[in-house]
Every structure is written in structure tokens, then in C-alpha cells.
Amino acid sequence: MALFPTHRNRVAGGALALMLLTTLGITVAGPEDDFASAPGVPSSATPGAEAVAPSTAGSDVALDRLAGDGTIPWPEDGQTAVELEGAGPVGARGEQRPVPIASLAKVMTAYVILKGHPLRQGEPGPDITVDRQAAHEVGVGGESTVPVQAGDRYSQRQLLEMLLIPSGNNIARLLARWDSGSQDAFVKKMQRAADELGMDHSRYTGASGIEPTTTSTATDQLKLVRQVMKDPVFRAVVASRNVTVSGIGPITNTNPLLDTPGVVGIKTGSSTPAGGNLLWACEIRVGDTTRLLTGAVLHQRANTTPGEGLRAAVDNSRSLITALRDRLASARTEG
């Protein structure tokens, strides 16, 4: 959990954080850049990188000393964005153009559901009845689904678990109908939420992400991550490796990155047109504080197989997390 140091420490920490991100090869947007360039406009200072609006978190990272410049293994394929809590700006690599995001769309689905029907930690929420459509969709078309039966009743929390852990497409659409009466009406809420978050390069056309017309960028996805990870219920669900649901049994998280030390989520997504996609969050120690390092790795080995793309997204994300975490640890221990 983030600590809140004195104003003097925040100022010093902000300067050091800025130096660290520059050292890591991450493009940093200064105050004047926020007015000079809109989000998504490539920075002229660093080819292949973008400067985007800073995080709402205060620049309060305190580091004893910065390590050498080194080499950060940014994925060569697709597009990537990373944000360090407390440091503000986002670093990005690759062309930030809208690409299919597959099941990453379910993060927005969960965000809209929890925004309209907030839950406290440990609260199950209202019971929701499985309709015939959700039951009919089980195993249809090769989609990722959860084996529910018409008339079954599950709590909102349980359905969020089925949405985010095994990535149930039929559950995404069931929640959409429960919330808005139809998936089409719910999608309008998804798009409205994206617009409110400043996700100017994102388009949502379905609750599950199966549609290749649901597209976004890595930098846009981090805007969503920044907000949704503030919700303790969402955060607890995506950090779960497995849960047991009454009437269904154990369900396992599709995110193998959870085996990486410090990783606390978030969501996988893969399809042939989308390639492998991964939103991730990792808790790291910087000085005397715990910070959340978040990232979006999109469009890895697109147009191959979903499995091949997802393996690439996971492997590249793990390498990136390890390198950044080690560099931050070096900045803390040296000096």
C-alpha cells in the first residue's frame, strides 16, 4: 500500500522518479508537454515512444540512488506501455494504434459493473439468475465459457470471479444483460466509460472481447488499469489463482504470470487477430514504500495462434517486470 510522505519528500522523490524513468528509457511528459501534445501523439524526443498525460498519483517515489542505464527488454513485437505508481508518466514502446484486445475487454466490463453496482470487500452482492442464453452459449463456437445452467443463481461477486478468472464469455454477456437489459445497451456504457477515462483510441463493441472490432492501445488500457485497480474487490479477484464456486467447482486463473513474485493480476486476452495480450500489475519495493508497477503488452505474435500469442505476451511481460523490478531494487540498495 502506498505511503504518504511529507511534502519535502514528495518533491525530492518526484525529481528522482523523473530521473529514474529517463534512465530506464521511458519517455516522460513534463508539465508543458501535457499542453503541447495530446495523448497518443508520438514524442519527438524518443523514436517509438509516446508521451502521455501523467498519472493522478502524486510523484512521491523516494530513491537513494539511480542505477546505470542498462538494457530494458522491451518487447520487439506489438506495443507496450508501463506505469510506475508515484512517478506519474507512462512509458510506451511500439506504434500506439488501435488493435484487437480480445478478453482484455472484460476488464472494462468489470469496471462498468462495479461502478454501477459497487461491492465492499467480502460482500457477495445481489444474487443473479443465469438465463437460458448464458446456458446455451456454454461450449459453443470454441469460446471460453463457464458451464452454468439456466435457473442457477450466483452472487455478483461469484459472477465477477467467473468473468475474470477463467474468462467466461457467456458470463460477460450475462452480466451485460443483467445490468442493462441487453448487450448493446451495456456496450454503450462501456464506450461512455472509456470516453470519460480519456481512452480516445479505444472502441468497445462487445462485453466479452470476442469481437475483433473491440480495439484499443496499450497506453489507453493503462488509463483503465489505473482506475480499476483502485477497487479492492476487482483487485482481490484478479489476484486469485483459483477459487471454488458452488455448483461448478474449482476454477483456475488463465493468467500464468501470477506465478511471478509480486504479480497481483490482471488479465489475459488472446485470439488469432488480436495475438497475445496481457495487462499486469506487480507490487515492488522502492525505498521504504510499496509501489504498483503496471503494464500493458498488446498484439504479440498476432495472426498466429491464440496460444502462441499468449505465451509471447506472458514471456515478454515477465522479462520486462523482472528487469524493471531489479533496476528499482538497485536504485534502492546502492549508495
Protein backbone atom coordinates (compact mmCIF):
# COMPACT_ATOMS: atom_id res chain seq x y z
CA MET A 1 0.00 0.00 0.00
CA ALA A 2 1.30 3.45 -0.86
CA LEU A 3 2.57 5.61 1.95
CA PHE A 4 2.14 9.36 2.08
CA PRO A 5 5.42 11.14 2.94
CA THR A 6 5.95 14.79 3.73
CA HIS A 7 5.74 17.49 1.08
CA ARG A 8 9.55 17.83 1.04
CA ASN A 9 9.98 14.12 0.41
CA ARG A 10 7.34 14.18 -2.33
CA VAL A 11 9.18 16.95 -4.18
CA ALA A 12 12.55 15.22 -3.89
CA GLY A 13 11.04 11.87 -4.76
CA GLY A 14 9.33 13.29 -7.81
CA ALA A 15 12.62 14.58 -9.21
CA LEU A 16 14.35 11.27 -8.56
CA ALA A 17 11.48 9.33 -10.09
CA LEU A 18 11.71 11.50 -13.19
CA MET A 19 15.45 10.75 -13.42
CA LEU A 20 14.80 7.04 -12.95
CA LEU A 21 12.24 6.81 -15.73
CA THR A 22 14.59 8.69 -18.06
CA THR A 23 17.40 6.29 -17.10
CA LEU A 24 15.16 3.32 -17.93
CA GLY A 25 14.48 4.69 -21.40
CA ILE A 26 10.91 5.68 -20.62
CA THR A 27 9.61 8.81 -22.28
CA VAL A 28 8.47 11.34 -19.71
CA ALA A 29 5.89 14.05 -20.25
CA GLY A 30 6.69 17.29 -18.48
CA PRO A 31 4.01 19.81 -17.49
CA GLU A 32 4.46 21.76 -20.72
CA ASP A 33 4.21 18.55 -22.78
CA ASP A 34 0.76 17.86 -21.39
CA PHE A 35 -0.49 21.01 -23.09
CA ALA A 36 1.66 20.78 -26.21
CA SER A 37 0.81 17.19 -27.18
CA ALA A 38 -2.42 15.27 -26.88
CA PRO A 39 -2.27 11.68 -25.57
CA GLY A 40 -1.25 9.27 -28.30
CA VAL A 41 0.90 11.78 -30.22
CA PRO A 42 4.43 10.37 -30.67
CA SER A 43 7.18 12.16 -28.78
CA SER A 44 9.84 13.75 -30.92
CA ALA A 45 12.43 13.12 -28.23
CA THR A 46 12.38 9.32 -28.32
CA PRO A 47 11.57 7.36 -31.50
CA GLY A 48 8.99 4.63 -30.96
CA ALA A 49 7.85 6.08 -27.65
CA GLU A 50 4.94 8.26 -26.65
CA ALA A 51 4.40 10.92 -24.03
CA VAL A 52 1.02 10.77 -22.39
CA ALA A 53 -0.76 12.51 -19.57
CA PRO A 54 0.68 11.72 -16.13
CA SER A 55 -0.97 9.55 -13.53
CA THR A 56 -3.18 11.11 -10.91
CA ALA A 57 -0.89 9.60 -8.26
CA GLY A 58 1.48 12.06 -6.62
CA SER A 59 5.15 11.92 -7.61
CA ASP A 60 6.30 10.66 -4.23
CA VAL A 61 8.76 7.90 -5.07
CA ALA A 62 11.95 8.34 -2.99
CA LEU A 63 15.11 6.60 -4.24
CA ASP A 64 18.58 6.68 -2.70
CA ARG A 65 20.46 6.40 -5.92
CA LEU A 66 19.86 5.64 -9.56
CA ALA A 67 21.47 2.63 -11.19
CA GLY A 68 23.26 2.67 -14.52
CA ASP A 69 21.37 2.90 -17.77
CA GLY A 70 21.44 -0.85 -18.64
CA THR A 71 19.13 -2.52 -21.13
CA ILE A 72 15.42 -2.98 -20.55
CA PRO A 73 13.97 -5.84 -22.66
CA TRP A 74 11.06 -4.05 -24.25
CA PRO A 75 9.07 -6.44 -26.49
CA GLU A 76 10.05 -6.03 -30.12
CA ASP A 77 6.59 -7.04 -31.33
CA GLY A 78 3.29 -5.18 -30.94
CA GLN A 79 3.03 -2.36 -28.41
CA THR A 80 3.80 -1.93 -24.74
CA ALA A 81 3.15 0.65 -22.02
CA VAL A 82 4.34 0.78 -18.40
CA GLU A 83 3.49 2.98 -15.45
CA LEU A 84 5.16 3.25 -12.05
CA GLU A 85 2.84 4.37 -9.27
CA GLY A 86 4.03 7.61 -7.76
CA ALA A 87 6.13 8.53 -10.80
CA GLY A 88 3.26 9.77 -12.93
CA PRO A 89 4.15 9.46 -16.63
CA VAL A 90 3.66 6.37 -18.76
CA GLY A 91 6.43 4.91 -20.92
CA ALA A 92 5.46 3.28 -24.20
CA ARG A 93 7.10 1.33 -26.99
CA GLY A 94 5.74 0.36 -30.38
CA GLU A 95 3.21 2.13 -32.56
CA GLN A 96 0.24 3.04 -30.36
CA ARG A 97 -2.51 2.26 -32.85
CA PRO A 98 -5.83 0.57 -32.03
CA VAL A 99 -5.58 -3.23 -32.24
CA PRO A 100 -7.97 -6.03 -31.19
CA ILE A 101 -7.65 -6.75 -27.46
CA ALA A 102 -9.72 -9.94 -27.09
CA SER A 103 -10.61 -10.72 -23.47
CA LEU A 104 -8.94 -7.60 -22.08
CA ALA A 105 -12.37 -6.12 -22.81
CA LYS A 106 -13.61 -7.95 -19.72
CA VAL A 107 -11.64 -5.53 -17.54
CA MET A 108 -13.88 -2.74 -18.81
CA THR A 109 -16.93 -4.98 -18.32
CA ALA A 110 -15.95 -5.49 -14.67
CA TYR A 111 -15.21 -1.78 -14.25
CA VAL A 112 -18.66 -0.77 -15.52
CA ILE A 113 -20.40 -3.43 -13.40
CA LEU A 114 -18.58 -2.38 -10.22
CA LYS A 115 -19.11 1.30 -10.97
CA GLY A 116 -22.85 0.75 -11.26
CA HIS A 117 -23.09 -1.90 -8.53
CA PRO A 118 -20.20 -1.32 -6.10
CA LEU A 119 -19.27 -4.03 -3.62
CA ARG A 120 -17.42 -3.87 -0.33
CA GLN A 121 -14.63 -6.34 0.25
CA GLY A 122 -16.19 -9.60 1.43
CA GLU A 123 -19.67 -8.61 0.27
CA PRO A 124 -21.27 -11.08 -2.18
CA GLY A 125 -23.70 -8.61 -3.72
CA PRO A 126 -27.11 -9.46 -5.16
CA ASP A 127 -28.00 -12.90 -6.50
CA ILE A 128 -28.24 -13.06 -10.29
CA THR A 129 -30.15 -15.77 -12.15
CA VAL A 130 -28.49 -17.47 -15.11
CA ASP A 131 -30.71 -17.02 -18.17
CA ARG A 132 -31.23 -19.54 -20.94
CA GLN A 133 -28.96 -17.66 -23.32
CA ALA A 134 -25.94 -17.87 -21.00
CA ALA A 135 -26.56 -21.59 -20.53
CA HIS A 136 -26.99 -22.16 -24.27
CA GLU A 137 -23.66 -20.47 -25.01
CA VAL A 138 -21.66 -22.98 -22.94
CA GLY A 139 -19.09 -24.61 -25.20
CA VAL A 140 -20.48 -23.02 -28.37
CA GLY A 141 -18.18 -21.78 -31.11
CA GLY A 142 -14.97 -22.63 -29.32
CA GLU A 143 -15.38 -19.65 -26.99
CA SER A 144 -14.09 -19.55 -23.42
CA THR A 145 -17.21 -20.20 -21.33
CA VAL A 146 -18.20 -21.31 -17.82
CA PRO A 147 -20.60 -24.31 -17.53
CA VAL A 148 -23.64 -22.70 -15.93
CA GLN A 149 -27.23 -23.89 -16.20
CA ALA A 150 -30.40 -21.88 -16.70
CA GLY A 151 -32.04 -21.04 -13.41
CA ASP A 152 -28.82 -21.28 -11.37
CA ARG A 153 -28.26 -18.33 -9.05
CA TYR A 154 -24.89 -16.81 -8.29
CA SER A 155 -23.87 -13.70 -6.43
CA GLN A 156 -22.45 -10.71 -8.27
CA ARG A 157 -19.05 -11.47 -6.70
CA GLN A 158 -19.15 -15.06 -7.98
CA LEU A 159 -20.03 -13.93 -11.48
CA LEU A 160 -17.17 -11.42 -11.42
CA GLU A 161 -14.87 -14.30 -10.48
CA MET A 162 -16.22 -16.38 -13.39
CA LEU A 163 -15.76 -13.38 -15.68
CA LEU A 164 -12.17 -12.57 -14.76
CA ILE A 165 -10.54 -15.81 -13.58
CA PRO A 166 -11.47 -18.39 -16.26
CA SER A 167 -12.52 -15.57 -18.64
CA GLY A 168 -16.09 -16.65 -19.29
CA ASN A 169 -17.51 -15.01 -22.42
CA ASN A 170 -21.03 -16.20 -21.59
CA ILE A 171 -20.68 -14.64 -18.13
CA ALA A 172 -19.61 -11.31 -19.64
CA ARG A 173 -22.76 -11.19 -21.75
CA LEU A 174 -24.92 -12.38 -18.84
CA LEU A 175 -23.66 -9.54 -16.65
CA ALA A 176 -24.25 -7.10 -19.50
CA ARG A 177 -27.89 -8.20 -19.82
CA TRP A 178 -28.37 -8.13 -16.04
CA ASP A 179 -27.06 -4.58 -15.83
CA SER A 180 -28.56 -3.02 -18.95
CA GLY A 181 -31.17 -5.36 -20.38
CA SER A 182 -29.13 -6.09 -23.50
CA GLN A 183 -25.51 -6.37 -24.51
CA ASP A 184 -25.93 -3.50 -26.96
CA ALA A 185 -27.12 -1.16 -24.22
CA PHE A 186 -24.25 -2.26 -21.98
CA VAL A 187 -21.68 -1.67 -24.70
CA LYS A 188 -22.80 1.95 -24.85
CA LYS A 189 -21.96 2.20 -21.14
CA MET A 190 -18.56 0.64 -21.81
CA GLN A 191 -17.80 3.19 -24.52
CA ARG A 192 -19.04 6.04 -22.37
CA ALA A 193 -16.76 4.90 -19.53
CA ALA A 194 -13.81 4.72 -21.93
CA ASP A 195 -14.52 8.25 -23.14
CA GLU A 196 -14.71 9.50 -19.55
CA LEU A 197 -11.31 7.95 -18.81
CA GLY A 198 -9.77 9.68 -21.81
CA MET A 199 -9.33 6.43 -23.75
CA ASP A 200 -9.55 8.27 -27.03
CA HIS A 201 -8.21 5.40 -29.13
CA SER A 202 -10.47 2.65 -27.76
CA ARG A 203 -13.65 1.18 -29.21
CA TYR A 204 -15.80 -1.38 -27.41
CA THR A 205 -18.28 -3.46 -29.42
CA GLY A 206 -18.99 -6.34 -27.02
CA ALA A 207 -18.78 -7.29 -23.36
CA SER A 208 -16.53 -10.33 -23.84
CA GLY A 209 -13.95 -9.15 -26.37
CA ILE A 210 -14.64 -11.96 -28.83
CA GLU A 211 -15.37 -9.34 -31.50
CA PRO A 212 -12.20 -8.26 -33.38
CA THR A 213 -13.82 -4.83 -33.69
CA THR A 214 -13.15 -4.20 -29.98
CA THR A 215 -9.84 -2.34 -30.21
CA SER A 216 -7.56 -0.26 -28.02
CA THR A 217 -3.95 0.76 -27.40
CA ALA A 218 -1.52 -0.11 -24.62
CA THR A 219 -1.49 3.47 -23.33
CA ASP A 220 -5.30 3.59 -23.30
CA GLN A 221 -5.51 0.31 -21.41
CA LEU A 222 -3.28 1.66 -18.64
CA LYS A 223 -5.74 4.51 -18.12
CA LEU A 224 -8.35 1.88 -17.32
CA VAL A 225 -5.95 -0.14 -15.17
CA ARG A 226 -5.10 2.95 -13.14
CA GLN A 227 -8.76 3.35 -12.17
CA VAL A 228 -9.99 -0.21 -11.84
CA MET A 229 -7.10 -1.28 -9.59
CA LYS A 230 -8.37 1.22 -7.02
CA ASP A 231 -11.35 -1.10 -6.46
CA PRO A 232 -10.45 -3.62 -3.71
CA VAL A 233 -12.94 -6.22 -4.96
CA PHE A 234 -11.59 -6.16 -8.51
CA ARG A 235 -8.06 -6.22 -7.18
CA ALA A 236 -8.77 -9.26 -4.99
CA VAL A 237 -10.44 -11.19 -7.81
CA VAL A 238 -7.70 -10.69 -10.41
CA ALA A 239 -5.03 -11.67 -7.87
CA SER A 240 -6.73 -15.03 -7.22
CA ARG A 241 -5.05 -18.03 -8.79
CA ASN A 242 -8.16 -20.13 -8.31
CA VAL A 243 -11.48 -20.11 -6.48
CA THR A 244 -14.18 -22.67 -5.87
CA VAL A 245 -17.70 -21.82 -6.98
CA SER A 246 -20.60 -23.81 -5.56
CA GLY A 247 -22.18 -25.99 -8.22
CA ILE A 248 -19.23 -25.55 -10.59
CA GLY A 249 -16.18 -26.47 -8.54
CA PRO A 250 -12.67 -25.03 -8.74
CA ILE A 251 -11.90 -22.53 -11.48
CA THR A 252 -8.33 -21.60 -12.37
CA ASN A 253 -6.96 -18.25 -13.48
CA THR A 254 -5.94 -18.04 -17.13
CA ASN A 255 -3.05 -15.72 -16.14
CA PRO A 256 0.20 -17.72 -15.69
CA LEU A 257 2.05 -14.51 -14.81
CA LEU A 258 0.60 -14.80 -11.30
CA ASP A 259 3.43 -17.26 -10.60
CA THR A 260 5.89 -14.36 -10.88
CA PRO A 261 6.83 -12.92 -7.47
CA GLY A 262 4.92 -9.72 -6.70
CA VAL A 263 2.43 -10.02 -9.56
CA VAL A 264 -1.15 -9.31 -8.42
CA GLY A 265 -3.07 -9.53 -11.72
CA ILE A 266 -4.57 -8.50 -14.07
CA LYS A 267 -5.95 -10.15 -17.24
CA THR A 268 -5.04 -12.16 -20.31
CA GLY A 269 -6.61 -11.94 -23.74
CA SER A 270 -5.80 -13.85 -26.92
CA SER A 271 -7.23 -14.62 -30.34
CA THR A 272 -5.84 -15.07 -33.82
CA PRO A 273 -6.40 -11.43 -34.93
CA ALA A 274 -5.51 -9.99 -31.51
CA GLY A 275 -2.46 -12.14 -30.83
CA GLY A 276 -1.43 -12.34 -27.18
CA ASN A 277 -2.43 -9.52 -24.84
CA LEU A 278 -1.71 -9.05 -21.16
CA LEU A 279 -2.48 -6.41 -18.58
CA TRP A 280 -0.35 -6.86 -15.49
CA ALA A 281 0.34 -5.33 -12.11
CA CYS A 282 3.28 -6.05 -9.84
CA GLU A 283 3.94 -4.81 -6.32
CA ILE A 284 7.54 -3.71 -5.87
CA ARG A 285 9.53 -2.06 -3.11
CA VAL A 286 11.04 1.33 -3.86
CA GLY A 287 12.80 2.78 -0.85
CA ASP A 288 10.50 2.36 2.12
CA THR A 289 7.31 2.13 0.10
CA THR A 290 5.46 -0.46 -1.94
CA ARG A 291 4.60 0.72 -5.41
CA LEU A 292 2.42 -0.76 -8.13
CA LEU A 293 4.17 -1.26 -11.45
CA THR A 294 1.55 -1.75 -14.17
CA GLY A 295 1.88 -2.67 -17.80
CA ALA A 296 0.02 -3.44 -20.99
CA VAL A 297 1.58 -5.72 -23.60
CA LEU A 298 -0.55 -5.99 -26.75
CA HIS A 299 -0.59 -7.65 -30.16
CA GLN A 300 2.13 -10.23 -29.54
CA ARG A 301 2.53 -12.63 -32.49
CA ALA A 302 -0.83 -11.64 -33.94
CA ASN A 303 -2.30 -13.81 -36.69
CA THR A 304 -0.55 -16.94 -35.42
CA THR A 305 -2.45 -18.97 -32.81
CA PRO A 306 -4.00 -17.68 -29.59
CA GLY A 307 -1.75 -19.99 -27.56
CA GLU A 308 1.43 -18.85 -29.28
CA GLY A 309 0.47 -15.21 -28.91
CA LEU A 310 -0.36 -15.57 -25.24
CA ARG A 311 2.92 -17.36 -24.49
CA ALA A 312 4.79 -14.49 -26.11
CA ALA A 313 2.83 -11.89 -24.12
CA VAL A 314 3.49 -13.71 -20.85
CA ASP A 315 7.19 -14.33 -21.52
CA ASN A 316 7.82 -10.76 -22.66
CA SER A 317 5.90 -9.33 -19.71
CA ARG A 318 7.81 -11.49 -17.23
CA SER A 319 11.16 -10.38 -18.67
CA LEU A 320 10.10 -6.73 -18.57
CA ILE A 321 8.83 -6.94 -14.99
CA THR A 322 11.99 -8.69 -13.78
CA ALA A 323 14.30 -6.14 -15.39
CA LEU A 324 12.37 -3.12 -14.10
CA ARG A 325 12.00 -4.59 -10.61
CA ASP A 326 15.72 -5.35 -10.40
CA ARG A 327 16.64 -1.87 -11.57
CA LEU A 328 14.37 -0.26 -8.99
CA ALA A 329 15.84 -2.51 -6.28
CA SER A 330 19.34 -1.46 -7.35
CA ALA A 331 18.36 2.19 -7.07
CA ARG A 332 17.19 1.47 -3.52
CA THR A 333 20.18 -0.53 -2.27
CA GLU A 334 23.11 1.24 -3.86
CA GLY A 335 24.55 4.34 -2.27
